N, C-alpha and C. Protein backbone atom coordinates (compact mmCIF):
# COMPACT_ATOMS: atom_id res chain seq x y z
N MET A 1 0.84 -1.17 0.00
CA MET A 1 0.00 0.00 0.00
C MET A 1 0.89 1.24 0.00
N SER A 2 0.63 2.15 -0.92
CA SER A 2 1.45 3.34 -1.05
C SER A 2 1.13 4.35 0.04
N LYS A 3 2.15 5.07 0.45
CA LYS A 3 1.97 6.08 1.47
C LYS A 3 1.51 7.38 0.81
N LEU A 4 0.49 8.01 1.39
CA LEU A 4 -0.05 9.25 0.84
C LEU A 4 0.64 10.46 1.47
N PRO A 5 0.85 11.50 0.69
CA PRO A 5 1.47 12.71 1.24
C PRO A 5 0.46 13.55 2.01
N ALA A 6 0.96 14.43 2.87
CA ALA A 6 0.09 15.39 3.55
C ALA A 6 -0.27 16.46 2.53
N ILE A 7 -1.56 16.74 2.38
CA ILE A 7 -2.01 17.66 1.35
C ILE A 7 -3.20 18.46 1.89
N SER A 8 -3.30 19.71 1.48
CA SER A 8 -4.41 20.55 1.93
C SER A 8 -5.57 20.43 0.95
N GLY A 9 -6.73 20.93 1.35
CA GLY A 9 -7.91 20.88 0.50
C GLY A 9 -7.73 21.69 -0.78
N LYS A 10 -7.13 22.87 -0.67
CA LYS A 10 -6.91 23.71 -1.86
C LYS A 10 -5.94 23.05 -2.83
N GLU A 11 -4.88 22.42 -2.31
CA GLU A 11 -3.92 21.72 -3.17
C GLU A 11 -4.60 20.56 -3.89
N LEU A 12 -5.48 19.84 -3.17
CA LEU A 12 -6.19 18.72 -3.78
C LEU A 12 -7.10 19.21 -4.91
N CYS A 13 -7.74 20.35 -4.72
CA CYS A 13 -8.59 20.90 -5.78
C CYS A 13 -7.77 21.23 -7.02
N LYS A 14 -6.57 21.78 -6.84
CA LYS A 14 -5.70 22.09 -7.97
C LYS A 14 -5.29 20.82 -8.72
N ILE A 15 -5.02 19.76 -7.98
CA ILE A 15 -4.63 18.49 -8.59
C ILE A 15 -5.80 17.88 -9.36
N LEU A 16 -7.00 17.96 -8.79
CA LEU A 16 -8.17 17.36 -9.43
C LEU A 16 -8.61 18.12 -10.68
N ARG A 17 -8.16 19.36 -10.84
CA ARG A 17 -8.43 20.08 -12.09
C ARG A 17 -7.79 19.36 -13.27
N ASN A 18 -6.69 18.68 -13.03
CA ASN A 18 -5.98 17.96 -14.09
C ASN A 18 -6.74 16.73 -14.57
N VAL A 19 -7.70 16.26 -13.78
CA VAL A 19 -8.50 15.09 -14.18
C VAL A 19 -9.95 15.49 -14.41
N ASP A 20 -10.15 16.72 -14.93
CA ASP A 20 -11.45 17.16 -15.45
C ASP A 20 -12.47 17.55 -14.39
N TYR A 21 -12.05 17.96 -13.20
CA TYR A 21 -12.97 18.46 -12.18
C TYR A 21 -12.84 19.97 -12.10
N PHE A 22 -13.93 20.64 -11.72
CA PHE A 22 -13.90 22.08 -11.50
C PHE A 22 -14.66 22.40 -10.22
N ILE A 23 -14.35 23.55 -9.63
CA ILE A 23 -15.02 23.96 -8.40
C ILE A 23 -16.41 24.47 -8.76
N ASP A 24 -17.42 23.78 -8.25
CA ASP A 24 -18.80 24.16 -8.50
C ASP A 24 -19.23 25.25 -7.51
N HIS A 25 -19.03 24.99 -6.23
CA HIS A 25 -19.34 25.98 -5.20
C HIS A 25 -18.71 25.54 -3.88
N GLN A 26 -18.85 26.39 -2.88
CA GLN A 26 -18.31 26.08 -1.56
C GLN A 26 -19.39 26.35 -0.53
N THR A 27 -19.58 25.41 0.37
CA THR A 27 -20.54 25.56 1.46
C THR A 27 -19.76 25.40 2.76
N GLY A 28 -19.60 26.50 3.46
CA GLY A 28 -18.83 26.46 4.69
C GLY A 28 -17.39 26.09 4.42
N SER A 29 -16.92 25.04 5.08
CA SER A 29 -15.53 24.62 4.89
C SER A 29 -15.41 23.43 3.94
N HIS A 30 -16.41 23.23 3.09
CA HIS A 30 -16.36 22.14 2.13
C HIS A 30 -16.48 22.67 0.71
N ILE A 31 -15.55 22.24 -0.14
CA ILE A 31 -15.52 22.65 -1.54
C ILE A 31 -16.18 21.54 -2.35
N ILE A 32 -17.16 21.91 -3.17
CA ILE A 32 -17.88 20.95 -3.99
C ILE A 32 -17.31 21.02 -5.41
N LEU A 33 -16.80 19.90 -5.89
CA LEU A 33 -16.24 19.79 -7.23
C LEU A 33 -17.17 18.96 -8.11
N ARG A 34 -17.22 19.30 -9.38
CA ARG A 34 -18.01 18.52 -10.34
C ARG A 34 -17.12 18.14 -11.51
N ARG A 35 -17.44 17.07 -12.14
CA ARG A 35 -16.70 16.63 -13.32
C ARG A 35 -17.35 17.22 -14.56
N ARG A 36 -16.53 17.71 -15.47
CA ARG A 36 -17.05 18.38 -16.67
C ARG A 36 -17.75 17.42 -17.63
N ASN A 37 -17.19 16.26 -17.83
CA ASN A 37 -17.73 15.31 -18.80
C ASN A 37 -18.42 14.15 -18.09
N PRO A 38 -19.35 13.48 -18.78
CA PRO A 38 -20.03 12.34 -18.15
C PRO A 38 -19.05 11.28 -17.72
N PRO A 39 -19.26 10.58 -16.65
CA PRO A 39 -20.33 10.80 -15.69
C PRO A 39 -20.04 12.04 -14.84
N HIS A 40 -21.04 12.86 -14.63
CA HIS A 40 -20.87 14.13 -13.91
C HIS A 40 -20.83 13.87 -12.41
N ARG A 41 -19.74 13.30 -11.97
CA ARG A 41 -19.59 12.99 -10.55
C ARG A 41 -19.43 14.28 -9.75
N ARG A 42 -19.82 14.21 -8.48
CA ARG A 42 -19.65 15.34 -7.58
C ARG A 42 -18.83 14.87 -6.39
N LEU A 43 -17.82 15.65 -6.04
CA LEU A 43 -16.95 15.34 -4.91
C LEU A 43 -17.03 16.45 -3.88
N THR A 44 -16.89 16.09 -2.63
CA THR A 44 -16.82 17.07 -1.56
C THR A 44 -15.43 16.99 -0.95
N VAL A 45 -14.73 18.12 -0.98
CA VAL A 45 -13.36 18.18 -0.45
C VAL A 45 -13.36 19.13 0.74
N PRO A 46 -12.92 18.67 1.92
CA PRO A 46 -12.85 19.58 3.07
C PRO A 46 -11.73 20.61 2.85
N ASP A 47 -12.03 21.86 3.15
CA ASP A 47 -11.05 22.94 2.99
C ASP A 47 -10.24 23.06 4.27
N HIS A 48 -9.43 22.05 4.54
CA HIS A 48 -8.60 22.02 5.74
C HIS A 48 -7.14 22.17 5.36
N LYS A 49 -6.31 22.50 6.35
CA LYS A 49 -4.88 22.63 6.10
C LYS A 49 -4.27 21.29 5.74
N GLU A 50 -4.78 20.22 6.35
CA GLU A 50 -4.32 18.87 6.03
C GLU A 50 -5.52 17.93 6.05
N ILE A 51 -5.73 17.23 4.95
CA ILE A 51 -6.83 16.28 4.85
C ILE A 51 -6.39 14.97 5.49
N ALA A 52 -7.28 14.38 6.26
CA ALA A 52 -6.99 13.09 6.90
C ALA A 52 -6.71 12.03 5.83
N LYS A 53 -5.83 11.10 6.15
CA LYS A 53 -5.40 10.09 5.17
C LYS A 53 -6.58 9.26 4.66
N GLY A 54 -7.48 8.85 5.55
CA GLY A 54 -8.63 8.06 5.13
C GLY A 54 -9.57 8.84 4.23
N THR A 55 -9.76 10.12 4.53
CA THR A 55 -10.59 10.98 3.70
C THR A 55 -9.97 11.16 2.33
N LEU A 56 -8.67 11.39 2.29
CA LEU A 56 -7.97 11.55 1.02
C LEU A 56 -8.07 10.28 0.18
N ARG A 57 -7.90 9.14 0.81
CA ARG A 57 -7.98 7.87 0.10
C ARG A 57 -9.40 7.66 -0.46
N ALA A 58 -10.42 8.05 0.30
CA ALA A 58 -11.80 7.91 -0.16
C ALA A 58 -12.08 8.83 -1.35
N ILE A 59 -11.56 10.05 -1.31
CA ILE A 59 -11.74 10.99 -2.43
C ILE A 59 -11.05 10.46 -3.68
N ILE A 60 -9.85 9.92 -3.52
CA ILE A 60 -9.13 9.34 -4.66
C ILE A 60 -9.94 8.20 -5.26
N ARG A 61 -10.51 7.37 -4.40
CA ARG A 61 -11.31 6.24 -4.87
C ARG A 61 -12.54 6.74 -5.64
N GLN A 62 -13.17 7.82 -5.17
CA GLN A 62 -14.36 8.37 -5.83
C GLN A 62 -14.03 8.94 -7.21
N THR A 63 -12.81 9.41 -7.40
CA THR A 63 -12.44 9.94 -8.72
C THR A 63 -12.20 8.82 -9.73
N GLY A 64 -12.03 7.60 -9.25
CA GLY A 64 -11.76 6.48 -10.15
C GLY A 64 -10.28 6.25 -10.38
N LEU A 65 -9.43 6.97 -9.66
CA LEU A 65 -7.99 6.81 -9.78
C LEU A 65 -7.47 5.82 -8.75
N THR A 66 -6.31 5.26 -9.01
CA THR A 66 -5.61 4.49 -7.99
C THR A 66 -4.69 5.46 -7.24
N VAL A 67 -4.18 5.02 -6.12
CA VAL A 67 -3.28 5.87 -5.33
C VAL A 67 -2.02 6.18 -6.13
N ASP A 68 -1.52 5.20 -6.87
CA ASP A 68 -0.31 5.42 -7.67
C ASP A 68 -0.56 6.42 -8.79
N GLU A 69 -1.73 6.34 -9.43
CA GLU A 69 -2.08 7.32 -10.49
C GLU A 69 -2.19 8.72 -9.89
N PHE A 70 -2.76 8.80 -8.69
CA PHE A 70 -2.89 10.10 -8.04
C PHE A 70 -1.53 10.67 -7.70
N LYS A 71 -0.61 9.84 -7.22
CA LYS A 71 0.72 10.32 -6.86
C LYS A 71 1.49 10.82 -8.08
N GLU A 72 1.19 10.28 -9.26
CA GLU A 72 1.84 10.76 -10.49
C GLU A 72 1.38 12.18 -10.83
N LEU A 73 0.16 12.55 -10.40
CA LEU A 73 -0.36 13.89 -10.68
C LEU A 73 0.28 14.96 -9.79
N LEU A 74 0.92 14.54 -8.71
CA LEU A 74 1.51 15.51 -7.77
C LEU A 74 2.67 16.25 -8.38
């Protein structure tokens, strides 16, 4: 199992732009991202200084990427 880096919510949003997501809106401390092309998935990213490892792994899984593919985007 690959080790995930410490990453903030804003940094994660910048990385997810490379895989066709855009910021739809923000509600409180959560940033809502949508995918431009079908399937129009919606992701919720916490706007924290450091995202918990389990939360980050779940977000990566929801994008359809593997951890190794995500690390290549860094």
